[in-house]
């Protein structure tokens, strides 16, 4: 086991993942905002400015933030540069 504690995950219904973009976004913001020790993100494409800034803010507040992005997606280059400039 990697973690002795249960890790909270989204409680959105399966159907919401495909049709309710606003609910997903709100839940994502809430999950990131409530993190106290660590945040791990894996995305093929990640360009949402508000979420990027929230991750940077959490990192600056002492939360261990790690992001895995597809470096070959050109759209990720600006996000990668921004995250790297904040040691994320």
PDB file of N, CA and C in Angstrom:
ATOM      1  N   UNK A   1       0.827  -1.193   0.000  1.00  0.00           N
ATOM      2  CA  UNK A   1       0.000   0.000   0.000  1.00  0.00           C
ATOM      3  C   UNK A   1       0.864   1.245   0.000  1.00  0.00           C
ATOM      4  N   UNK A   2       0.476   2.204  -0.785  1.00  0.00           N
ATOM      5  CA  UNK A   2       1.223   3.451  -0.849  1.00  0.00           C
ATOM      6  C   UNK A   2       0.829   4.402   0.271  1.00  0.00           C
ATOM      7  N   UNK A   3      -0.408   4.326   0.707  1.00  0.00           N
ATOM      8  CA  UNK A   3      -0.904   5.242   1.717  1.00  0.00           C
ATOM      9  C   UNK A   3      -1.719   4.469   2.745  1.00  0.00           C
ATOM     10  N   UNK A   4      -1.444   4.662   4.021  1.00  0.00           N
ATOM     11  CA  UNK A   4      -2.202   3.947   5.049  1.00  0.00           C
ATOM     12  C   UNK A   4      -3.622   4.490   5.215  1.00  0.00           C
ATOM     13  N   UNK A   5      -3.880   5.697   4.723  1.00  0.00           N
ATOM     14  CA  UNK A   5      -5.198   6.311   4.862  1.00  0.00           C
ATOM     15  C   UNK A   5      -5.972   6.223   3.557  1.00  0.00           C
ATOM     16  N   UNK A   6      -7.278   6.239   3.683  1.00  0.00           N
ATOM     17  CA  UNK A   6      -8.123   6.307   2.494  1.00  0.00           C
ATOM     18  C   UNK A   6      -7.991   7.693   1.882  1.00  0.00           C
ATOM     19  N   UNK A   7      -7.815   7.749   0.573  1.00  0.00           N
ATOM     20  CA  UNK A   7      -7.645   9.015  -0.128  1.00  0.00           C
ATOM     21  C   UNK A   7      -8.987   9.423  -0.726  1.00  0.00           C
ATOM     22  N   UNK A   8      -9.460  10.658  -0.448  1.00  0.00           N
ATOM     23  CA  UNK A   8     -10.748  11.080  -0.988  1.00  0.00           C
ATOM     24  C   UNK A   8     -10.693  11.231  -2.498  1.00  0.00           C
ATOM     25  N   UNK A   9     -11.746  10.822  -3.142  1.00  0.00           N
ATOM     26  CA  UNK A   9     -11.883  10.984  -4.580  1.00  0.00           C
ATOM     27  C   UNK A   9     -13.238  11.594  -4.876  1.00  0.00           C
ATOM     28  N   UNK A  10     -13.422  12.041  -6.085  1.00  0.00           N
ATOM     29  CA  UNK A  10     -14.667  12.655  -6.495  1.00  0.00           C
ATOM     30  C   UNK A  10     -15.838  11.702  -6.289  1.00  0.00           C
ATOM     31  N   UNK A  11     -16.947  12.259  -5.817  1.00  0.00           N
ATOM     32  CA  UNK A  11     -18.148  11.449  -5.632  1.00  0.00           C
ATOM     33  C   UNK A  11     -19.193  11.713  -6.724  1.00  0.00           C
ATOM     34  N   UNK A  12     -18.754  12.287  -7.845  1.00  0.00           N
ATOM     35  CA  UNK A  12     -19.672  12.513  -8.958  1.00  0.00           C
ATOM     36  C   UNK A  12     -20.132  11.178  -9.542  1.00  0.00           C
ATOM     37  N   UNK A  13     -21.374  11.144  -9.976  1.00  0.00           N
ATOM     38  CA  UNK A  13     -21.898   9.952 -10.642  1.00  0.00           C
ATOM     39  C   UNK A  13     -21.164   9.743 -11.961  1.00  0.00           C
ATOM     40  N   UNK A  14     -21.066   8.488 -12.393  1.00  0.00           N
ATOM     41  CA  UNK A  14     -20.384   8.175 -13.656  1.00  0.00           C
ATOM     42  C   UNK A  14     -20.919   9.014 -14.812  1.00  0.00           C
ATOM     43  N   UNK A  15     -22.228   9.220 -14.835  1.00  0.00           N
ATOM     44  CA  UNK A  15     -22.836   9.975 -15.934  1.00  0.00           C
ATOM     45  C   UNK A  15     -22.340  11.416 -15.981  1.00  0.00           C
ATOM     46  N   UNK A  16     -22.011  11.992 -14.843  1.00  0.00           N
ATOM     47  CA  UNK A  16     -21.567  13.379 -14.788  1.00  0.00           C
ATOM     48  C   UNK A  16     -20.233  13.564 -15.494  1.00  0.00           C
ATOM     49  N   UNK A  17     -19.444  12.531 -15.538  1.00  0.00           N
ATOM     50  CA  UNK A  17     -18.138  12.639 -16.178  1.00  0.00           C
ATOM     51  C   UNK A  17     -18.242  12.886 -17.672  1.00  0.00           C
ATOM     52  N   UNK A  18     -19.371  12.580 -18.238  1.00  0.00           N
ATOM     53  CA  UNK A  18     -19.531  12.734 -19.672  1.00  0.00           C
ATOM     54  C   UNK A  18     -20.414  13.914 -20.069  1.00  0.00           C
ATOM     55  N   UNK A  19     -21.266  14.402 -19.160  1.00  0.00           N
ATOM     56  CA  UNK A  19     -22.223  15.413 -19.596  1.00  0.00           C
ATOM     57  C   UNK A  19     -22.246  16.688 -18.763  1.00  0.00           C
ATOM     58  N   UNK A  20     -21.768  16.669 -17.539  1.00  0.00           N
ATOM     59  CA  UNK A  20     -21.928  17.840 -16.684  1.00  0.00           C
ATOM     60  C   UNK A  20     -20.587  18.511 -16.418  1.00  0.00           C
ATOM     61  N   UNK A  21     -20.133  19.252 -17.399  1.00  0.00           N
ATOM     62  CA  UNK A  21     -18.828  19.887 -17.329  1.00  0.00           C
ATOM     63  C   UNK A  21     -18.720  20.839 -16.135  1.00  0.00           C
ATOM     64  N   UNK A  22     -19.741  21.604 -15.851  1.00  0.00           N
ATOM     65  CA  UNK A  22     -19.695  22.560 -14.739  1.00  0.00           C
ATOM     66  C   UNK A  22     -19.565  21.848 -13.400  1.00  0.00           C
ATOM     67  N   UNK A  23     -20.275  20.739 -13.223  1.00  0.00           N
ATOM     68  CA  UNK A  23     -20.170  19.975 -11.978  1.00  0.00           C
ATOM     69  C   UNK A  23     -18.767  19.401 -11.816  1.00  0.00           C
ATOM     70  N   UNK A  24     -18.190  18.913 -12.898  1.00  0.00           N
ATOM     71  CA  UNK A  24     -16.832  18.373 -12.854  1.00  0.00           C
ATOM     72  C   UNK A  24     -15.842  19.480 -12.481  1.00  0.00           C
ATOM     73  N   UNK A  25     -15.995  20.627 -13.103  1.00  0.00           N
ATOM     74  CA  UNK A  25     -15.087  21.740 -12.835  1.00  0.00           C
ATOM     75  C   UNK A  25     -15.197  22.178 -11.374  1.00  0.00           C
ATOM     76  N   UNK A  26     -16.422  22.325 -10.888  1.00  0.00           N
ATOM     77  CA  UNK A  26     -16.650  22.734  -9.498  1.00  0.00           C
ATOM     78  C   UNK A  26     -16.061  21.722  -8.531  1.00  0.00           C
ATOM     79  N   UNK A  27     -16.279  20.443  -8.796  1.00  0.00           N
ATOM     80  CA  UNK A  27     -15.733  19.399  -7.939  1.00  0.00           C
ATOM     81  C   UNK A  27     -14.201  19.410  -7.972  1.00  0.00           C
ATOM     82  N   UNK A  28     -13.620  19.632  -9.128  1.00  0.00           N
ATOM     83  CA  UNK A  28     -12.171  19.692  -9.257  1.00  0.00           C
ATOM     84  C   UNK A  28     -11.608  20.853  -8.443  1.00  0.00           C
ATOM     85  N   UNK A  29     -12.207  22.016  -8.555  1.00  0.00           N
ATOM     86  CA  UNK A  29     -11.783  23.180  -7.771  1.00  0.00           C
ATOM     87  C   UNK A  29     -11.889  22.871  -6.284  1.00  0.00           C
ATOM     88  N   UNK A  30     -13.002  22.276  -5.867  1.00  0.00           N
ATOM     89  CA  UNK A  30     -13.199  21.947  -4.453  1.00  0.00           C
ATOM     90  C   UNK A  30     -12.160  20.950  -3.952  1.00  0.00           C
ATOM     91  N   UNK A  31     -11.858  19.927  -4.757  1.00  0.00           N
ATOM     92  CA  UNK A  31     -10.854  18.936  -4.357  1.00  0.00           C
ATOM     93  C   UNK A  31      -9.472  19.571  -4.223  1.00  0.00           C
ATOM     94  N   UNK A  32      -9.095  20.385  -5.194  1.00  0.00           N
ATOM     95  CA  UNK A  32      -7.788  21.047  -5.127  1.00  0.00           C
ATOM     96  C   UNK A  32      -7.745  22.003  -3.940  1.00  0.00           C
ATOM     97  N   UNK A  33      -8.793  22.775  -3.774  1.00  0.00           N
ATOM     98  CA  UNK A  33      -8.846  23.770  -2.704  1.00  0.00           C
ATOM     99  C   UNK A  33      -8.793  23.122  -1.321  1.00  0.00           C
ATOM    100  N   UNK A  34      -9.357  21.934  -1.188  1.00  0.00           N
ATOM    101  CA  UNK A  34      -9.402  21.279   0.129  1.00  0.00           C
ATOM    102  C   UNK A  34      -8.143  20.472   0.442  1.00  0.00           C
ATOM    103  N   UNK A  35      -7.245  20.318  -0.518  1.00  0.00           N
ATOM    104  CA  UNK A  35      -6.024  19.532  -0.292  1.00  0.00           C
ATOM    105  C   UNK A  35      -5.149  20.209   0.749  1.00  0.00           C
ATOM    106  N   UNK A  36      -4.630  19.398   1.672  1.00  0.00           N
ATOM    107  CA  UNK A  36      -3.791  19.933   2.743  1.00  0.00           C
ATOM    108  C   UNK A  36      -2.355  19.418   2.699  1.00  0.00           C
ATOM    109  N   UNK A  37      -2.140  18.258   2.084  1.00  0.00           N
ATOM    110  CA  UNK A  37      -0.785  17.706   2.086  1.00  0.00           C
ATOM    111  C   UNK A  37      -0.236  17.471   0.684  1.00  0.00           C
ATOM    112  N   UNK A  38      -1.059  16.968  -0.243  1.00  0.00           N
ATOM    113  CA  UNK A  38      -0.546  16.668  -1.574  1.00  0.00           C
ATOM    114  C   UNK A  38      -1.644  16.706  -2.623  1.00  0.00           C
ATOM    115  N   UNK A  39      -1.218  17.002  -3.844  1.00  0.00           N
ATOM    116  CA  UNK A  39      -2.098  16.987  -5.016  1.00  0.00           C
ATOM    117  C   UNK A  39      -1.305  16.348  -6.149  1.00  0.00           C
ATOM    118  N   UNK A  40      -1.864  15.324  -6.750  1.00  0.00           N
ATOM    119  CA  UNK A  40      -1.243  14.670  -7.895  1.00  0.00           C
ATOM    120  C   UNK A  40      -2.208  14.750  -9.066  1.00  0.00           C
ATOM    121  N   UNK A  41      -1.728  15.279 -10.181  1.00  0.00           N
ATOM    122  CA  UNK A  41      -2.550  15.476 -11.369  1.00  0.00           C
ATOM    123  C   UNK A  41      -1.894  14.762 -12.541  1.00  0.00           C
ATOM    124  N   UNK A  42      -2.704  14.031 -13.305  1.00  0.00           N
ATOM    125  CA  UNK A  42      -2.235  13.422 -14.545  1.00  0.00           C
ATOM    126  C   UNK A  42      -3.235  13.788 -15.628  1.00  0.00           C
ATOM    127  N   UNK A  43      -2.769  14.490 -16.638  1.00  0.00           N
ATOM    128  CA  UNK A  43      -3.631  14.967 -17.716  1.00  0.00           C
ATOM    129  C   UNK A  43      -2.908  14.842 -19.042  1.00  0.00           C
ATOM    130  N   UNK A  44      -3.636  14.559 -20.088  1.00  0.00           N
ATOM    131  CA  UNK A  44      -3.061  14.607 -21.426  1.00  0.00           C
ATOM    132  C   UNK A  44      -2.881  16.060 -21.843  1.00  0.00           C
ATOM    133  N   UNK A  45      -3.902  16.879 -21.581  1.00  0.00           N
ATOM    134  CA  UNK A  45      -3.877  18.300 -21.912  1.00  0.00           C
ATOM    135  C   UNK A  45      -4.375  19.071 -20.700  1.00  0.00           C
ATOM    136  N   UNK A  46      -3.636  20.110 -20.308  1.00  0.00           N
ATOM    137  CA  UNK A  46      -4.010  20.895 -19.132  1.00  0.00           C
ATOM    138  C   UNK A  46      -3.673  22.348 -19.390  1.00  0.00           C
ATOM    139  N   UNK A  47      -4.704  23.144 -19.676  1.00  0.00           N
ATOM    140  CA  UNK A  47      -4.477  24.547 -20.028  1.00  0.00           C
ATOM    141  C   UNK A  47      -5.390  25.514 -19.277  1.00  0.00           C
ATOM    142  N   UNK A  48      -6.193  25.034 -18.363  1.00  0.00           N
ATOM    143  CA  UNK A  48      -7.161  25.883 -17.662  1.00  0.00           C
ATOM    144  C   UNK A  48      -6.432  26.845 -16.712  1.00  0.00           C
ATOM    145  N   UNK A  49      -6.436  28.149 -16.998  1.00  0.00           N
ATOM    146  CA  UNK A  49      -5.670  29.117 -16.203  1.00  0.00           C
ATOM    147  C   UNK A  49      -6.049  29.143 -14.716  1.00  0.00           C
ATOM    148  N   UNK A  50      -7.323  29.073 -14.428  1.00  0.00           N
ATOM    149  CA  UNK A  50      -7.755  29.137 -13.018  1.00  0.00           C
ATOM    150  C   UNK A  50      -7.239  27.930 -12.233  1.00  0.00           C
ATOM    151  N   UNK A  51      -7.288  26.747 -12.833  1.00  0.00           N
ATOM    152  CA  UNK A  51      -6.804  25.554 -12.152  1.00  0.00           C
ATOM    153  C   UNK A  51      -5.281  25.585 -12.013  1.00  0.00           C
ATOM    154  N   UNK A  52      -4.586  26.060 -13.048  1.00  0.00           N
ATOM    155  CA  UNK A  52      -3.134  26.207 -12.954  1.00  0.00           C
ATOM    156  C   UNK A  52      -2.757  27.142 -11.814  1.00  0.00           C
ATOM    157  N   UNK A  53      -3.434  28.268 -11.723  1.00  0.00           N
ATOM    158  CA  UNK A  53      -3.132  29.227 -10.658  1.00  0.00           C
ATOM    159  C   UNK A  53      -3.459  28.652  -9.287  1.00  0.00           C
ATOM    160  N   UNK A  54      -4.527  27.888  -9.192  1.00  0.00           N
ATOM    161  CA  UNK A  54      -4.887  27.254  -7.924  1.00  0.00           C
ATOM    162  C   UNK A  54      -3.817  26.247  -7.503  1.00  0.00           C
ATOM    163  N   UNK A  55      -3.302  25.465  -8.447  1.00  0.00           N
ATOM    164  CA  UNK A  55      -2.227  24.518  -8.129  1.00  0.00           C
ATOM    165  C   UNK A  55      -0.963  25.257  -7.684  1.00  0.00           C
ATOM    166  N   UNK A  56      -0.637  26.338  -8.348  1.00  0.00           N
ATOM    167  CA  UNK A  56       0.534  27.131  -7.973  1.00  0.00           C
ATOM    168  C   UNK A  56       0.350  27.700  -6.573  1.00  0.00           C
ATOM    169  N   UNK A  57      -0.831  28.211  -6.279  1.00  0.00           N
ATOM    170  CA  UNK A  57      -1.112  28.760  -4.951  1.00  0.00           C
ATOM    171  C   UNK A  57      -0.996  27.694  -3.873  1.00  0.00           C
ATOM    172  N   UNK A  58      -1.512  26.503  -4.150  1.00  0.00           N
ATOM    173  CA  UNK A  58      -1.427  25.414  -3.176  1.00  0.00           C
ATOM    174  C   UNK A  58       0.032  25.019  -2.952  1.00  0.00           C
ATOM    175  N   UNK A  59       0.816  24.978  -4.013  1.00  0.00           N
ATOM    176  CA  UNK A  59       2.230  24.651  -3.891  1.00  0.00           C
ATOM    177  C   UNK A  59       2.945  25.697  -3.041  1.00  0.00           C
ATOM    178  N   UNK A  60       2.659  26.959  -3.284  1.00  0.00           N
ATOM    179  CA  UNK A  60       3.283  28.034  -2.522  1.00  0.00           C
ATOM    180  C   UNK A  60       2.868  28.011  -1.053  1.00  0.00           C
ATOM    181  N   UNK A  61       1.707  27.396  -0.770  1.00  0.00           N
ATOM    182  CA  UNK A  61       1.223  27.271   0.604  1.00  0.00           C
ATOM    183  C   UNK A  61       1.792  26.036   1.304  1.00  0.00           C
ATOM    184  N   UNK A  62       2.649  25.279   0.603  1.00  0.00           N
ATOM    185  CA  UNK A  62       3.302  24.143   1.226  1.00  0.00           C
ATOM    186  C   UNK A  62       2.729  22.786   0.874  1.00  0.00           C
ATOM    187  N   UNK A  63       1.721  22.734   0.017  1.00  0.00           N
ATOM    188  CA  UNK A  63       1.157  21.465  -0.430  1.00  0.00           C
ATOM    189  C   UNK A  63       2.087  20.871  -1.498  1.00  0.00           C
ATOM    190  N   UNK A  64       2.347  19.572  -1.402  1.00  0.00           N
ATOM    191  CA  UNK A  64       3.181  18.885  -2.395  1.00  0.00           C
ATOM    192  C   UNK A  64       2.347  18.691  -3.663  1.00  0.00           C
ATOM    193  N   UNK A  65       2.641  19.469  -4.709  1.00  0.00           N
ATOM    194  CA  UNK A  65       1.888  19.420  -5.965  1.00  0.00           C
ATOM    195  C   UNK A  65       2.774  18.800  -7.036  1.00  0.00           C
ATOM    196  N   UNK A  66       2.254  17.751  -7.671  1.00  0.00           N
ATOM    197  CA  UNK A  66       2.972  17.092  -8.757  1.00  0.00           C
ATOM    198  C   UNK A  66       2.021  16.937  -9.931  1.00  0.00           C
ATOM    199  N   UNK A  67       2.506  17.289 -11.113  1.00  0.00           N
ATOM    200  CA  UNK A  67       1.676  17.264 -12.308  1.00  0.00           C
ATOM    201  C   UNK A  67       2.402  16.477 -13.395  1.00  0.00           C
ATOM    202  N   UNK A  68       1.700  15.530 -13.975  1.00  0.00           N
ATOM    203  CA  UNK A  68       2.233  14.746 -15.085  1.00  0.00           C
ATOM    204  C   UNK A  68       1.431  15.094 -16.330  1.00  0.00           C
ATOM    205  N   UNK A  69       2.095  15.722 -17.305  1.00  0.00           N
ATOM    206  CA  UNK A  69       1.444  16.128 -18.544  1.00  0.00           C
ATOM    207  C   UNK A  69       2.155  15.487 -19.729  1.00  0.00           C
ATOM    208  N   UNK A  70       1.441  15.376 -20.817  1.00  0.00           N
ATOM    209  CA  UNK A  70       2.025  14.880 -22.062  1.00  0.00           C
ATOM    210  C   UNK A  70       2.850  16.016 -22.672  1.00  0.00           C
ATOM    211  N   UNK A  71       4.161  15.899 -22.575  1.00  0.00           N
ATOM    212  CA  UNK A  71       5.036  16.963 -23.072  1.00  0.00           C
ATOM    213  C   UNK A  71       5.000  17.114 -24.585  1.00  0.00           C
ATOM    214  N   UNK A  72       4.482  16.135 -25.286  1.00  0.00           N
ATOM    215  CA  UNK A  72       4.436  16.187 -26.746  1.00  0.00           C
ATOM    216  C   UNK A  72       3.206  16.908 -27.263  1.00  0.00           C
ATOM    217  N   UNK A  73       2.271  17.242 -26.393  1.00  0.00           N
ATOM    218  CA  UNK A  73       1.108  18.043 -26.775  1.00  0.00           C
ATOM    219  C   UNK A  73       1.537  19.509 -26.754  1.00  0.00           C
ATOM    220  N   UNK A  74       1.585  20.130 -27.913  1.00  0.00           N
ATOM    221  CA  UNK A  74       2.050  21.523 -27.994  1.00  0.00           C
ATOM    222  C   UNK A  74       1.237  22.450 -27.111  1.00  0.00           C
ATOM    223  N   UNK A  75      -0.031  22.157 -26.960  1.00  0.00           N
ATOM    224  CA  UNK A  75      -0.897  23.014 -26.156  1.00  0.00           C
ATOM    225  C   UNK A  75      -0.460  23.031 -24.687  1.00  0.00           C
ATOM    226  N   UNK A  76       0.302  22.031 -24.244  1.00  0.00           N
ATOM    227  CA  UNK A  76       0.774  21.965 -22.856  1.00  0.00           C
ATOM    228  C   UNK A  76       2.025  22.795 -22.596  1.00  0.00           C
ATOM    229  N   UNK A  77       2.707  23.251 -23.625  1.00  0.00           N
ATOM    230  CA  UNK A  77       3.998  23.912 -23.431  1.00  0.00           C
ATOM    231  C   UNK A  77       3.916  25.105 -22.488  1.00  0.00           C
ATOM    232  N   UNK A  78       2.934  25.956 -22.643  1.00  0.00           N
ATOM    233  CA  UNK A  78       2.813  27.129 -21.766  1.00  0.00           C
ATOM    234  C   UNK A  78       2.523  26.697 -20.329  1.00  0.00           C
ATOM    235  N   UNK A  79       1.674  25.683 -20.166  1.00  0.00           N
ATOM    236  CA  UNK A  79       1.359  25.188 -18.827  1.00  0.00           C
ATOM    237  C   UNK A  79       2.596  24.587 -18.176  1.00  0.00           C
ATOM    238  N   UNK A  80       3.335  23.785 -18.936  1.00  0.00           N
ATOM    239  CA  UNK A  80       4.563  23.181 -18.412  1.00  0.00           C
ATOM    240  C   UNK A  80       5.557  24.257 -17.993  1.00  0.00           C
ATOM    241  N   UNK A  81       5.734  25.280 -18.824  1.00  0.00           N
ATOM    242  CA  UNK A  81       6.654  26.368 -18.483  1.00  0.00           C
ATOM    243  C   UNK A  81       6.222  27.071 -17.211  1.00  0.00           C
ATOM    244  N   UNK A  82       4.925  27.333 -17.088  1.00  0.00           N
ATOM    245  CA  UNK A  82       4.407  28.017 -15.916  1.00  0.00           C
ATOM    246  C   UNK A  82       4.597  27.166 -14.648  1.00  0.00           C
ATOM    247  N   UNK A  83       4.284  25.883 -14.741  1.00  0.00           N
ATOM    248  CA  UNK A  83       4.440  25.004 -13.582  1.00  0.00           C
ATOM    249  C   UNK A  83       5.909  24.861 -13.195  1.00  0.00           C
ATOM    250  N   UNK A  84       6.771  24.672 -14.195  1.00  0.00           N
ATOM    251  CA  UNK A  84       8.210  24.526 -13.923  1.00  0.00           C
ATOM    252  C   UNK A  84       8.788  25.786 -13.289  1.00  0.00           C
ATOM    253  N   UNK A  85       8.299  26.945 -13.707  1.00  0.00           N
ATOM    254  CA  UNK A  85       8.818  28.198 -13.136  1.00  0.00           C
ATOM    255  C   UNK A  85       8.462  28.344 -11.658  1.00  0.00           C
ATOM    256  N   UNK A  86       7.524  27.524 -11.192  1.00  0.00           N
ATOM    257  CA  UNK A  86       7.149  27.514  -9.773  1.00  0.00           C
ATOM    258  C   UNK A  86       7.584  26.208  -9.092  1.00  0.00           C
ATOM    259  N   UNK A  87       8.533  25.521  -9.712  1.00  0.00           N
ATOM    260  CA  UNK A  87       9.090  24.266  -9.171  1.00  0.00           C
ATOM    261  C   UNK A  87       8.035  23.189  -8.953  1.00  0.00           C
ATOM    262  N   UNK A  88       7.088  23.130  -9.865  1.00  0.00           N
ATOM    263  CA  UNK A  88       6.055  22.088  -9.819  1.00  0.00           C
ATOM    264  C   UNK A  88       6.330  21.139 -10.961  1.00  0.00           C
TER     265      UNK A  88
END
